[in-house]
């Protein structure tokens, strides 16, 4: 695995400009002066943050700081992430994920829940799985897309979801997705939206930035409104498209997660340095996640 990553990094070096290389070096130097930040961030991960911030150095610094602050303050989402544990295996069985590229240099992040009645669904465990799958994606993927699109299938969502909802976790998760993840989020689509979706959306709307709420589009069952944003052929075959099935693409996601299992067993992975606690507190004071 390490040889593959090394080879990709070399290829990436050939593609990026000299100016970008200088920016990566500048950020690397900045990281060395921040005693609380981990020093093992690969250049390709730094580049991903830089790209997500449209190569704005100061914005990239803020995003990196927030990325680690949220992780430090979310042990319920970042710890206990063994993909072979019973709890994680259960979560991986009831939710299917797909991460793939489409025309226009866009990434699709697809989430499909398969739990009628929500008998097995655990909101916190699902959020923990989200963090894990995103980390695995960053570790294995080197493509820098121009745009990221989220598609969520709400076919099995019922009003019972309200009893599963955790506001504290939702706040951290939304902050992480909106401002800390090194992606260029542009669209969010909820397909097979139930009639009561407004009630569920009401739970989330107060903790979402207006910029994000404006990205969200709801599509009722059997409608074709999604095709105004995403070509039908760019959807999985399950949804009438030409992409591989959700089962196939979910297996790819799970395989990548399993390849990184040793990383996820490390409870200190992508966390701030303990020896820099005072500096960390001073630096993080202005980064409010509530």
C-alpha atoms as a PDB file:
ATOM      1  CA  UNK A   1       0.000   0.000   0.000  1.00  0.00           C
ATOM      2  CA  UNK A   2       2.786   2.428   0.865  1.00  0.00           C
ATOM      3  CA  UNK A   3       4.466   1.848  -2.503  1.00  0.00           C
ATOM      4  CA  UNK A   4       1.237   2.700  -4.309  1.00  0.00           C
ATOM      5  CA  UNK A   5       0.782   5.924  -2.347  1.00  0.00           C
ATOM      6  CA  UNK A   6       4.414   6.906  -2.963  1.00  0.00           C
ATOM      7  CA  UNK A   7       4.035   6.349  -6.688  1.00  0.00           C
ATOM      8  CA  UNK A   8       0.865   8.486  -6.795  1.00  0.00           C
ATOM      9  CA  UNK A   9       2.572  11.291  -4.914  1.00  0.00           C
ATOM     10  CA  UNK A  10       5.370  11.341  -7.472  1.00  0.00           C
ATOM     11  CA  UNK A  11       2.835  11.572 -10.289  1.00  0.00           C
ATOM     12  CA  UNK A  12       1.056  14.370  -8.442  1.00  0.00           C
ATOM     13  CA  UNK A  13       4.349  16.302  -8.149  1.00  0.00           C
ATOM     14  CA  UNK A  14       4.643  16.303 -11.935  1.00  0.00           C
ATOM     15  CA  UNK A  15       1.152  17.740 -12.377  1.00  0.00           C
ATOM     16  CA  UNK A  16       1.107  20.604  -9.884  1.00  0.00           C
ATOM     17  CA  UNK A  17       2.608  23.990 -10.640  1.00  0.00           C
ATOM     18  CA  UNK A  18       5.743  25.432  -9.103  1.00  0.00           C
ATOM     19  CA  UNK A  19       3.617  28.059  -7.363  1.00  0.00           C
ATOM     20  CA  UNK A  20       1.490  25.351  -5.744  1.00  0.00           C
ATOM     21  CA  UNK A  21       4.623  23.511  -4.622  1.00  0.00           C
ATOM     22  CA  UNK A  22       5.767  26.732  -2.956  1.00  0.00           C
ATOM     23  CA  UNK A  23       2.396  27.051  -1.208  1.00  0.00           C
ATOM     24  CA  UNK A  24       2.632  23.469   0.066  1.00  0.00           C
ATOM     25  CA  UNK A  25       6.125  24.211   1.376  1.00  0.00           C
ATOM     26  CA  UNK A  26       4.819  27.384   3.042  1.00  0.00           C
ATOM     27  CA  UNK A  27       2.045  25.445   4.755  1.00  0.00           C
ATOM     28  CA  UNK A  28       4.468  22.708   5.760  1.00  0.00           C
ATOM     29  CA  UNK A  29       6.679  25.337   7.393  1.00  0.00           C
ATOM     30  CA  UNK A  30       3.660  26.834   9.160  1.00  0.00           C
ATOM     31  CA  UNK A  31       2.671  23.397  10.499  1.00  0.00           C
ATOM     32  CA  UNK A  32       6.151  22.961  11.986  1.00  0.00           C
ATOM     33  CA  UNK A  33       5.638  26.175  13.981  1.00  0.00           C
ATOM     34  CA  UNK A  34       2.303  24.945  15.379  1.00  0.00           C
ATOM     35  CA  UNK A  35       3.311  22.580  18.159  1.00  0.00           C
ATOM     36  CA  UNK A  36      -0.228  21.208  18.490  1.00  0.00           C
ATOM     37  CA  UNK A  37      -0.601  20.118  14.859  1.00  0.00           C
ATOM     38  CA  UNK A  38       0.547  16.622  13.837  1.00  0.00           C
ATOM     39  CA  UNK A  39       3.693  16.600  11.716  1.00  0.00           C
ATOM     40  CA  UNK A  40       2.909  13.463   9.732  1.00  0.00           C
ATOM     41  CA  UNK A  41       0.457  15.052   7.292  1.00  0.00           C
ATOM     42  CA  UNK A  42       1.565  14.037   3.814  1.00  0.00           C
ATOM     43  CA  UNK A  43       2.085  16.741   1.214  1.00  0.00           C
ATOM     44  CA  UNK A  44      -0.767  15.287  -0.831  1.00  0.00           C
ATOM     45  CA  UNK A  45      -3.141  15.808   2.135  1.00  0.00           C
ATOM     46  CA  UNK A  46      -1.918  19.381   2.548  1.00  0.00           C
ATOM     47  CA  UNK A  47      -2.505  19.847  -1.181  1.00  0.00           C
ATOM     48  CA  UNK A  48      -6.062  18.562  -0.792  1.00  0.00           C
ATOM     49  CA  UNK A  49      -6.757  21.203   1.873  1.00  0.00           C
ATOM     50  CA  UNK A  50      -5.169  23.878  -0.301  1.00  0.00           C
ATOM     51  CA  UNK A  51      -7.235  22.829  -3.312  1.00  0.00           C
ATOM     52  CA  UNK A  52     -10.462  22.792  -1.284  1.00  0.00           C
ATOM     53  CA  UNK A  53      -9.767  26.394  -0.262  1.00  0.00           C
ATOM     54  CA  UNK A  54      -9.044  27.468  -3.830  1.00  0.00           C
ATOM     55  CA  UNK A  55      -5.354  27.971  -3.008  1.00  0.00           C
ATOM     56  CA  UNK A  56      -5.966  30.674  -0.403  1.00  0.00           C
ATOM     57  CA  UNK A  57      -3.208  30.171   2.187  1.00  0.00           C
ATOM     58  CA  UNK A  58      -4.935  31.838   5.146  1.00  0.00           C
ATOM     59  CA  UNK A  59      -8.236  30.076   4.506  1.00  0.00           C
ATOM     60  CA  UNK A  60      -6.347  26.789   4.246  1.00  0.00           C
ATOM     61  CA  UNK A  61      -4.710  27.367   7.629  1.00  0.00           C
ATOM     62  CA  UNK A  62      -8.101  28.036   9.205  1.00  0.00           C
ATOM     63  CA  UNK A  63      -9.583  24.902   7.617  1.00  0.00           C
ATOM     64  CA  UNK A  64      -6.724  22.716   8.850  1.00  0.00           C
ATOM     65  CA  UNK A  65      -7.071  24.149  12.358  1.00  0.00           C
ATOM     66  CA  UNK A  66     -10.828  23.532  12.358  1.00  0.00           C
ATOM     67  CA  UNK A  67     -10.366  20.016  10.950  1.00  0.00           C
ATOM     68  CA  UNK A  68      -8.258  19.050  13.957  1.00  0.00           C
ATOM     69  CA  UNK A  69     -10.289  20.974  16.515  1.00  0.00           C
ATOM     70  CA  UNK A  70     -13.507  19.194  15.590  1.00  0.00           C
ATOM     71  CA  UNK A  71     -11.756  15.830  15.648  1.00  0.00           C
ATOM     72  CA  UNK A  72     -10.232  16.580  19.061  1.00  0.00           C
ATOM     73  CA  UNK A  73     -13.650  17.519  20.399  1.00  0.00           C
ATOM     74  CA  UNK A  74     -15.440  14.501  18.917  1.00  0.00           C
ATOM     75  CA  UNK A  75     -14.110  11.363  20.642  1.00  0.00           C
ATOM     76  CA  UNK A  76     -17.517   9.706  20.186  1.00  0.00           C
ATOM     77  CA  UNK A  77     -16.977   9.960  16.417  1.00  0.00           C
ATOM     78  CA  UNK A  78     -13.238   9.523  16.065  1.00  0.00           C
ATOM     79  CA  UNK A  79     -12.504   6.752  18.580  1.00  0.00           C
ATOM     80  CA  UNK A  80     -13.579   3.082  18.506  1.00  0.00           C
ATOM     81  CA  UNK A  81     -13.493   2.837  14.718  1.00  0.00           C
ATOM     82  CA  UNK A  82     -12.441  -0.754  14.201  1.00  0.00           C
ATOM     83  CA  UNK A  83     -14.292  -1.662  10.962  1.00  0.00           C
ATOM     84  CA  UNK A  84     -14.459  -5.281  12.149  1.00  0.00           C
ATOM     85  CA  UNK A  85     -16.172  -4.447  15.443  1.00  0.00           C
ATOM     86  CA  UNK A  86     -19.793  -5.676  15.776  1.00  0.00           C
ATOM     87  CA  UNK A  87     -21.140  -2.110  15.968  1.00  0.00           C
ATOM     88  CA  UNK A  88     -19.308  -0.967  12.822  1.00  0.00           C
ATOM     89  CA  UNK A  89     -20.142  -4.153  10.936  1.00  0.00           C
ATOM     90  CA  UNK A  90     -23.796  -3.553  11.739  1.00  0.00           C
ATOM     91  CA  UNK A  91     -23.595   0.029  10.457  1.00  0.00           C
ATOM     92  CA  UNK A  92     -21.789  -1.055   7.292  1.00  0.00           C
ATOM     93  CA  UNK A  93     -24.550  -3.557   6.550  1.00  0.00           C
ATOM     94  CA  UNK A  94     -27.530  -1.224   6.788  1.00  0.00           C
ATOM     95  CA  UNK A  95     -25.991   1.734   4.936  1.00  0.00           C
ATOM     96  CA  UNK A  96     -24.482   1.603   1.466  1.00  0.00           C
ATOM     97  CA  UNK A  97     -21.975   4.192   0.295  1.00  0.00           C
ATOM     98  CA  UNK A  98     -20.554   5.099  -3.090  1.00  0.00           C
ATOM     99  CA  UNK A  99     -17.785   7.549  -3.927  1.00  0.00           C
ATOM    100  CA  UNK A 100     -17.169   8.037  -7.642  1.00  0.00           C
ATOM    101  CA  UNK A 101     -16.346  10.599 -10.330  1.00  0.00           C
ATOM    102  CA  UNK A 102     -18.613  11.827 -13.130  1.00  0.00           C
ATOM    103  CA  UNK A 103     -18.243  14.115 -16.123  1.00  0.00           C
ATOM    104  CA  UNK A 104     -17.315  17.719 -15.432  1.00  0.00           C
ATOM    105  CA  UNK A 105     -14.630  16.714 -12.940  1.00  0.00           C
ATOM    106  CA  UNK A 106     -17.181  16.142 -10.186  1.00  0.00           C
ATOM    107  CA  UNK A 107     -17.229  13.722  -7.239  1.00  0.00           C
ATOM    108  CA  UNK A 108     -20.435  12.018  -6.167  1.00  0.00           C
ATOM    109  CA  UNK A 109     -20.870  11.004  -2.513  1.00  0.00           C
ATOM    110  CA  UNK A 110     -23.845   8.632  -2.399  1.00  0.00           C
ATOM    111  CA  UNK A 111     -25.488   7.385   0.822  1.00  0.00           C
ATOM    112  CA  UNK A 112     -28.343   4.884   0.889  1.00  0.00           C
ATOM    113  CA  UNK A 113     -30.004   3.627   4.071  1.00  0.00           C
ATOM    114  CA  UNK A 114     -31.477   0.133   4.018  1.00  0.00           C
ATOM    115  CA  UNK A 115     -33.329  -0.219   7.296  1.00  0.00           C
ATOM    116  CA  UNK A 116     -37.145  -0.028   6.983  1.00  0.00           C
ATOM    117  CA  UNK A 117     -38.562   1.074  10.300  1.00  0.00           C
ATOM    118  CA  UNK A 118     -35.152   2.239  11.494  1.00  0.00           C
ATOM    119  CA  UNK A 119     -34.938  -0.692  13.874  1.00  0.00           C
ATOM    120  CA  UNK A 120     -31.168  -1.054  13.480  1.00  0.00           C
ATOM    121  CA  UNK A 121     -30.194   2.539  12.713  1.00  0.00           C
ATOM    122  CA  UNK A 122     -27.904   4.355  15.163  1.00  0.00           C
ATOM    123  CA  UNK A 123     -27.326   8.048  14.370  1.00  0.00           C
ATOM    124  CA  UNK A 124     -24.044   8.316  16.280  1.00  0.00           C
ATOM    125  CA  UNK A 125     -22.672   5.102  14.802  1.00  0.00           C
ATOM    126  CA  UNK A 126     -23.644   6.282  11.332  1.00  0.00           C
ATOM    127  CA  UNK A 127     -21.768   9.553  11.933  1.00  0.00           C
ATOM    128  CA  UNK A 128     -18.747   7.582  13.186  1.00  0.00           C
ATOM    129  CA  UNK A 129     -18.853   5.490  10.020  1.00  0.00           C
ATOM    130  CA  UNK A 130     -19.038   8.687   7.945  1.00  0.00           C
ATOM    131  CA  UNK A 131     -15.850  10.033   9.525  1.00  0.00           C
ATOM    132  CA  UNK A 132     -14.120   6.696   8.963  1.00  0.00           C
ATOM    133  CA  UNK A 133     -15.166   6.370   5.319  1.00  0.00           C
ATOM    134  CA  UNK A 134     -14.094   9.947   4.567  1.00  0.00           C
ATOM    135  CA  UNK A 135     -10.700   9.375   6.187  1.00  0.00           C
ATOM    136  CA  UNK A 136     -10.258   6.195   4.145  1.00  0.00           C
ATOM    137  CA  UNK A 137     -11.182   8.104   0.987  1.00  0.00           C
ATOM    138  CA  UNK A 138      -8.618  10.840   1.704  1.00  0.00           C
ATOM    139  CA  UNK A 139      -5.931   8.257   2.384  1.00  0.00           C
ATOM    140  CA  UNK A 140      -6.598   6.323  -0.823  1.00  0.00           C
ATOM    141  CA  UNK A 141      -7.758   8.979  -3.282  1.00  0.00           C
ATOM    142  CA  UNK A 142      -5.560  11.595  -4.941  1.00  0.00           C
ATOM    143  CA  UNK A 143      -7.893  13.189  -7.466  1.00  0.00           C
ATOM    144  CA  UNK A 144      -8.656  16.851  -6.823  1.00  0.00           C
ATOM    145  CA  UNK A 145     -12.177  17.363  -8.139  1.00  0.00           C
ATOM    146  CA  UNK A 146     -13.598  20.724  -9.131  1.00  0.00           C
ATOM    147  CA  UNK A 147     -16.880  19.990  -7.356  1.00  0.00           C
ATOM    148  CA  UNK A 148     -18.359  17.582  -4.798  1.00  0.00           C
ATOM    149  CA  UNK A 149     -21.999  16.515  -4.814  1.00  0.00           C
ATOM    150  CA  UNK A 150     -23.798  14.633  -2.034  1.00  0.00           C
ATOM    151  CA  UNK A 151     -26.797  12.392  -2.803  1.00  0.00           C
ATOM    152  CA  UNK A 152     -28.771  10.823   0.059  1.00  0.00           C
ATOM    153  CA  UNK A 153     -31.555   8.297  -0.476  1.00  0.00           C
ATOM    154  CA  UNK A 154     -34.243   8.824   2.177  1.00  0.00           C
ATOM    155  CA  UNK A 155     -36.447   5.897   1.100  1.00  0.00           C
ATOM    156  CA  UNK A 156     -36.286   4.242   4.539  1.00  0.00           C
ATOM    157  CA  UNK A 157     -36.417   7.420   6.623  1.00  0.00           C
ATOM    158  CA  UNK A 158     -39.490   7.705   8.877  1.00  0.00           C
ATOM    159  CA  UNK A 159     -40.558  10.074  11.631  1.00  0.00           C
ATOM    160  CA  UNK A 160     -38.861   7.639  13.988  1.00  0.00           C
ATOM    161  CA  UNK A 161     -35.643   9.344  12.866  1.00  0.00           C
ATOM    162  CA  UNK A 162     -36.482  12.135  15.310  1.00  0.00           C
ATOM    163  CA  UNK A 163     -36.025   9.703  18.212  1.00  0.00           C
ATOM    164  CA  UNK A 164     -32.609   8.709  16.836  1.00  0.00           C
ATOM    165  CA  UNK A 165     -31.390  12.250  16.277  1.00  0.00           C
ATOM    166  CA  UNK A 166     -28.520  13.613  18.406  1.00  0.00           C
ATOM    167  CA  UNK A 167     -28.229  17.412  18.291  1.00  0.00           C
ATOM    168  CA  UNK A 168     -24.702  17.579  19.731  1.00  0.00           C
ATOM    169  CA  UNK A 169     -23.353  15.140  17.164  1.00  0.00           C
ATOM    170  CA  UNK A 170     -25.328  16.836  14.390  1.00  0.00           C
ATOM    171  CA  UNK A 171     -23.686  20.177  15.240  1.00  0.00           C
ATOM    172  CA  UNK A 172     -20.190  18.704  15.000  1.00  0.00           C
ATOM    173  CA  UNK A 173     -20.996  16.742  11.873  1.00  0.00           C
ATOM    174  CA  UNK A 174     -22.488  19.694  10.023  1.00  0.00           C
ATOM    175  CA  UNK A 175     -19.613  21.992  11.015  1.00  0.00           C
ATOM    176  CA  UNK A 176     -17.126  19.380   9.822  1.00  0.00           C
ATOM    177  CA  UNK A 177     -18.914  18.879   6.495  1.00  0.00           C
ATOM    178  CA  UNK A 178     -19.438  22.596   5.884  1.00  0.00           C
ATOM    179  CA  UNK A 179     -16.075  24.045   6.859  1.00  0.00           C
ATOM    180  CA  UNK A 180     -13.442  21.443   7.753  1.00  0.00           C
ATOM    181  CA  UNK A 181     -13.578  18.671   5.156  1.00  0.00           C
ATOM    182  CA  UNK A 182     -11.089  19.280   2.323  1.00  0.00           C
ATOM    183  CA  UNK A 183     -13.675  19.080  -0.462  1.00  0.00           C
ATOM    184  CA  UNK A 184     -15.513  21.576  -2.659  1.00  0.00           C
ATOM    185  CA  UNK A 185     -19.131  20.930  -1.658  1.00  0.00           C
ATOM    186  CA  UNK A 186     -21.545  22.446  -4.181  1.00  0.00           C
ATOM    187  CA  UNK A 187     -24.771  20.411  -4.128  1.00  0.00           C
ATOM    188  CA  UNK A 188     -26.737  18.254  -1.681  1.00  0.00           C
ATOM    189  CA  UNK A 189     -29.633  16.152  -2.952  1.00  0.00           C
ATOM    190  CA  UNK A 190     -32.148  14.187  -0.876  1.00  0.00           C
ATOM    191  CA  UNK A 191     -33.966  11.719  -3.120  1.00  0.00           C
ATOM    192  CA  UNK A 192     -37.127   9.749  -2.303  1.00  0.00           C
ATOM    193  CA  UNK A 193     -37.917  12.507   0.174  1.00  0.00           C
ATOM    194  CA  UNK A 194     -40.977  11.611   2.329  1.00  0.00           C
ATOM    195  CA  UNK A 195     -43.927  14.032   2.800  1.00  0.00           C
ATOM    196  CA  UNK A 196     -42.737  14.899   6.299  1.00  0.00           C
ATOM    197  CA  UNK A 197     -39.222  15.869   5.159  1.00  0.00           C
ATOM    198  CA  UNK A 198     -39.900  19.457   6.241  1.00  0.00           C
ATOM    199  CA  UNK A 199     -40.202  18.280   9.853  1.00  0.00           C
ATOM    200  CA  UNK A 200     -36.879  16.436   9.664  1.00  0.00           C
ATOM    201  CA  UNK A 201     -35.219  19.327   7.868  1.00  0.00           C
ATOM    202  CA  UNK A 202     -36.472  21.573  10.650  1.00  0.00           C
ATOM    203  CA  UNK A 203     -34.175  19.685  13.049  1.00  0.00           C
ATOM    204  CA  UNK A 204     -31.125  20.510  10.971  1.00  0.00           C
ATOM    205  CA  UNK A 205     -31.853  23.931   9.522  1.00  0.00           C
ATOM    206  CA  UNK A 206     -31.016  25.946  12.683  1.00  0.00           C
ATOM    207  CA  UNK A 207     -27.477  24.507  12.767  1.00  0.00           C
ATOM    208  CA  UNK A 208     -26.752  24.861   9.046  1.00  0.00           C
ATOM    209  CA  UNK A 209     -25.252  27.907   7.398  1.00  0.00           C
ATOM    210  CA  UNK A 210     -27.492  29.617   4.852  1.00  0.00           C
ATOM    211  CA  UNK A 211     -24.925  28.855   2.167  1.00  0.00           C
ATOM    212  CA  UNK A 212     -25.450  25.138   2.857  1.00  0.00           C
ATOM    213  CA  UNK A 213     -29.257  25.246   3.091  1.00  0.00           C
ATOM    214  CA  UNK A 214     -29.277  26.854  -0.352  1.00  0.00           C
ATOM    215  CA  UNK A 215     -27.376  23.842  -1.719  1.00  0.00           C
ATOM    216  CA  UNK A 216     -30.009  21.353  -0.529  1.00  0.00           C
ATOM    217  CA  UNK A 217     -32.583  20.044  -2.993  1.00  0.00           C
ATOM    218  CA  UNK A 218     -35.391  17.609  -2.142  1.00  0.00           C
ATOM    219  CA  UNK A 219     -36.739  15.170  -4.717  1.00  0.00           C
ATOM    220  CA  UNK A 220     -39.942  13.212  -4.074  1.00  0.00           C
ATOM    221  CA  UNK A 221     -40.256   9.533  -5.052  1.00  0.00           C
ATOM    222  CA  UNK A 222     -40.591   8.798  -8.804  1.00  0.00           C
ATOM    223  CA  UNK A 223     -39.745  12.409  -9.721  1.00  0.00           C
ATOM    224  CA  UNK A 224     -37.170  13.356 -12.357  1.00  0.00           C
ATOM    225  CA  UNK A 225     -36.111  16.644 -10.807  1.00  0.00           C
ATOM    226  CA  UNK A 226     -32.700  15.214  -9.854  1.00  0.00           C
ATOM    227  CA  UNK A 227     -31.829  14.969 -13.554  1.00  0.00           C
ATOM    228  CA  UNK A 228     -31.763  18.772 -13.753  1.00  0.00           C
ATOM    229  CA  UNK A 229     -28.564  18.575 -11.705  1.00  0.00           C
ATOM    230  CA  UNK A 230     -27.116  15.122 -12.391  1.00  0.00           C
ATOM    231  CA  UNK A 231     -27.446  13.255 -15.657  1.00  0.00           C
ATOM    232  CA  UNK A 232     -29.451  10.046 -15.263  1.00  0.00           C
ATOM    233  CA  UNK A 233     -26.601   8.063 -16.836  1.00  0.00           C
ATOM    234  CA  UNK A 234     -24.299   9.251 -14.032  1.00  0.00           C
ATOM    235  CA  UNK A 235     -26.386   7.444 -11.402  1.00  0.00           C
ATOM    236  CA  UNK A 236     -25.944   3.826 -10.225  1.00  0.00           C
ATOM    237  CA  UNK A 237     -27.883   1.210 -12.209  1.00  0.00           C
ATOM    238  CA  UNK A 238     -30.192   0.894  -9.181  1.00  0.00           C
ATOM    239  CA  UNK A 239     -31.489   4.352 -10.096  1.00  0.00           C
ATOM    240  CA  UNK A 240     -31.669   3.802 -13.862  1.00  0.00           C
ATOM    241  CA  UNK A 241     -28.143   5.012 -14.578  1.00  0.00           C
ATOM    242  CA  UNK A 242     -25.086   3.425 -16.155  1.00  0.00           C
ATOM    243  CA  UNK A 243     -22.756   3.460 -13.169  1.00  0.00           C
ATOM    244  CA  UNK A 244     -22.088   0.225 -11.221  1.00  0.00           C
ATOM    245  CA  UNK A 245     -24.702  -0.865  -8.699  1.00  0.00           C
ATOM    246  CA  UNK A 246     -24.706   0.450  -5.139  1.00  0.00           C
ATOM    247  CA  UNK A 247     -23.689  -3.029  -3.990  1.00  0.00           C
ATOM    248  CA  UNK A 248     -20.608  -2.962  -6.203  1.00  0.00           C
ATOM    249  CA  UNK A 249     -19.559   0.559  -5.308  1.00  0.00           C
ATOM    250  CA  UNK A 250     -20.271   0.034  -1.626  1.00  0.00           C
ATOM    251  CA  UNK A 251     -17.958  -2.995  -1.703  1.00  0.00           C
ATOM    252  CA  UNK A 252     -15.211  -0.771  -3.121  1.00  0.00           C
ATOM    253  CA  UNK A 253     -15.711   1.723  -0.277  1.00  0.00           C
ATOM    254  CA  UNK A 254     -15.693  -1.035   2.365  1.00  0.00           C
ATOM    255  CA  UNK A 255     -12.580  -2.627   0.816  1.00  0.00           C
ATOM    256  CA  UNK A 256     -10.740   0.696   1.076  1.00  0.00           C
ATOM    257  CA  UNK A 257     -11.851   1.052   4.707  1.00  0.00           C
ATOM    258  CA  UNK A 258     -10.620  -2.466   5.512  1.00  0.00           C
ATOM    259  CA  UNK A 259      -7.258  -1.745   3.888  1.00  0.00           C
ATOM    260  CA  UNK A 260      -6.877   1.124   6.365  1.00  0.00           C
ATOM    261  CA  UNK A 261      -7.963  -0.856   9.421  1.00  0.00           C
ATOM    262  CA  UNK A 262      -4.605  -0.555  11.194  1.00  0.00           C
ATOM    263  CA  UNK A 263      -4.820   3.208  10.793  1.00  0.00           C
ATOM    264  CA  UNK A 264      -8.275   3.309  12.375  1.00  0.00           C
ATOM    265  CA  UNK A 265      -7.111   1.194  15.302  1.00  0.00           C
ATOM    266  CA  UNK A 266      -4.689   4.013  16.145  1.00  0.00           C
ATOM    267  CA  UNK A 267      -6.653   6.307  18.474  1.00  0.00           C
ATOM    268  CA  UNK A 268      -4.146   9.121  17.874  1.00  0.00           C
ATOM    269  CA  UNK A 269      -4.558   9.197  14.100  1.00  0.00           C
ATOM    270  CA  UNK A 270      -4.971  12.776  12.803  1.00  0.00           C
ATOM    271  CA  UNK A 271      -5.234  14.285  16.257  1.00  0.00           C
ATOM    272  CA  UNK A 272      -3.338  17.182  17.768  1.00  0.00           C
ATOM    273  CA  UNK A 273      -0.138  16.616  19.679  1.00  0.00           C
ATOM    274  CA  UNK A 274      -0.689  16.276  23.427  1.00  0.00           C
ATOM    275  CA  UNK A 275       2.595  17.931  24.205  1.00  0.00           C
ATOM    276  CA  UNK A 276       1.276  21.114  22.616  1.00  0.00           C
ATOM    277  CA  UNK A 277      -1.819  21.343  24.777  1.00  0.00           C
ATOM    278  CA  UNK A 278      -1.329  24.966  25.851  1.00  0.00           C
ATOM    279  CA  UNK A 279      -0.582  26.119  22.344  1.00  0.00           C
ATOM    280  CA  UNK A 280      -3.531  24.140  21.052  1.00  0.00           C
ATOM    281  CA  UNK A 281      -5.910  25.779  23.496  1.00  0.00           C
ATOM    282  CA  UNK A 282      -4.641  29.232  22.589  1.00  0.00           C
ATOM    283  CA  UNK A 283      -4.918  28.562  18.891  1.00  0.00           C
ATOM    284  CA  UNK A 284      -8.327  26.902  19.064  1.00  0.00           C
ATOM    285  CA  UNK A 285      -9.957  29.455  21.353  1.00  0.00           C
ATOM    286  CA  UNK A 286     -11.457  31.456  18.476  1.00  0.00           C
ATOM    287  CA  UNK A 287     -12.615  28.417  16.526  1.00  0.00           C
ATOM    288  CA  UNK A 288     -16.150  27.895  17.809  1.00  0.00           C
ATOM    289  CA  UNK A 289     -17.876  24.691  16.726  1.00  0.00           C
ATOM    290  CA  UNK A 290     -21.123  25.169  18.650  1.00  0.00           C
END
